[in-house]
Amino acid sequence: MGQHKALFIGVNRYLDKTIHSLDNVINDVVEMSTVITSPPSNFASMDSKMIQQTLATQAIITAAVKDFFLNANDQDVLVFYWAGHGALIADEGFFIAYDSDVNHLRDTAIAMQDLRSYIEKSPAKTVIAMFDCCHSGAMMRAVNDNTQMLRGLTIQGTGKVVLAACTYMQGAYEHQHQSHGNFTAYVLDGLKGAAADAQGAIDVNQLHSFVSRKLEEDGRQIPVYYGQIQGRIILKNVSRDIQEISRVKTISLLTTTINESGNWCLLNEIPMRFVSIQEDNENIVLTLDNLTSQAVTYLKKLQQNLYFQIKMSTLTFRNYSFKIKIVTVSSAVKENVESFTVQLRRDLNTNHMMDMSVSLSGMVAVSPDEIAELRARRILLGEIKNNDYSKTEWSQLEWCIAGQGDIKIDKPPAVDHLNSYQGLKDDYWRLRRLHYIYLLVHSFTVDVITDLTLIIEGNQINHIQLEAIRSSPYTNEPTRVIKIAEDMIKNLS
């Protein structure tokens, strides 16, 4: 049976300082994901992935996109969304990644024709791809024809469509939509109901017609529409009967999906609530308040002890975990509430898991990817031994699984201490998710987590799902995607 899956990519910042940042791109990808996956919807949040900010490198995007399109089955329905900069070099279009070099785009960006190839080769029954692309004179000559920029996305065959717009940067984020690009803003309006028919259904053709009409009314370029779909594919239905909506709400009361960590972070495994996190390529500034007594005590010790300022530390938030050095800690009191500002410097000397295969008895070789998955399964599922291997084979594997990282995984990690944090009971699972991310990254199991979802029923994990990326810098192999999806009911009270 086919699944409905979605992948959202937003590139808002760039290592190359000649490329302008796009402040509203993150608003675009977050709300697009929310609108498409919020019930009633065929797209569940656990089957949707988002790549943004500094994760949106060429290698990570390429690995995620190839996996998304090429590993689908023939009954799947896929929705893909991209927001960010584009460029045109000698009539060839490119999407710009976080680490793209404007002087070497062919080597560092994502070619539109490659994306088109992945879409065309996808076994999926239906693919709907949407691109909101900005361009700037800093990267290419002026492009007056929308199709000139995007013709690399002209796809062949049925069942697959591309809806795309490319706008000059200064015009892309103006007009009445202050927090979204114009194209995305009208796509969102359409999906929220403005493009619905009398029964509340919204299909691709209706959405394209609505967005085109609105952009034309604004005097803007009409988005391109490539490909064709047989039959009618409903993207959203905004007026399903009340019984269906009530059923969705009832299910949500029985289970809880944890796929984000809210405004929590872990500074050296100490949970803290942040007001804001400001980042550039090397520096991170944390603004913290509404803190537990444990967090306040820890921060005051940091203020008083210079040793902590030079010692290597870790910061974990959202889907990220970094090695950092604490530079300064300052505090302020306003209306009897104490807040802290912590300035951090990111350690750019990233370590990785060694790319070693292990030869077992009978000349069976276990690949680095398989070792990484076994390590991840121990962290997430508490596996001491995998029954696919004999006792002798497992003893040979154990030293690899325990790891060469900053954290040894010789036994299932003890994370029950999170339960003891005073007043944090309601956020236990978010903190547990953050702790998993910390362990996965600093045990060198994976480099980047694109999705970590916990399905909680009562006080148990019913289902756990991981999608992460492991690079292979020592062998120059392509970036790999590590996946785990397990129905594992485990009492964690």
Foldseek 3Di string as FASTA:
>chain_A
DAAEAEEEEFEFAAPAVLDHGDVQRVVLRVVVLCLLQPPPHRYHNQRYFYAYDPRFFPQNVVQVLLCQFAVGAQAYAYEYEYEEAWEADPLWIWGATRYADLVPCVPTTHTLLVSLVSNQNGSYQAYEYEYEYEYEVSRYPDDPDQCSRRVSNAHDDARYKYWYGYYYVVQQCDDPNNNHGLLSVLLSVCSLQPLADPQQWHWPVSSLVRSQVVCVVVVHDRTDMHHYYPDTDTSHGNCDDPVVVVVVVVVCVQKPKDWFQAQWKQKQHAIFGFPDWDDDPWKIKTKGWPGAPVVVVVLVVVQVDCVQQADWIWMFHTFDIFTKGWNHKDWDADPNTIMIMTMITTDPPADAQAFDWFQDPPRDTHGLLNLLLVLLCCAPVFDQDDPVDDPRRVVSSQVVSLAPFPHGSNTHDDDLCLCVRPPCNVSSVSSVQRVSSVCSCRSNSAPTWRTWMFMDGDQWGQKIKTWGWHDHVVVPDRIHIRIDIDGDTDHSD
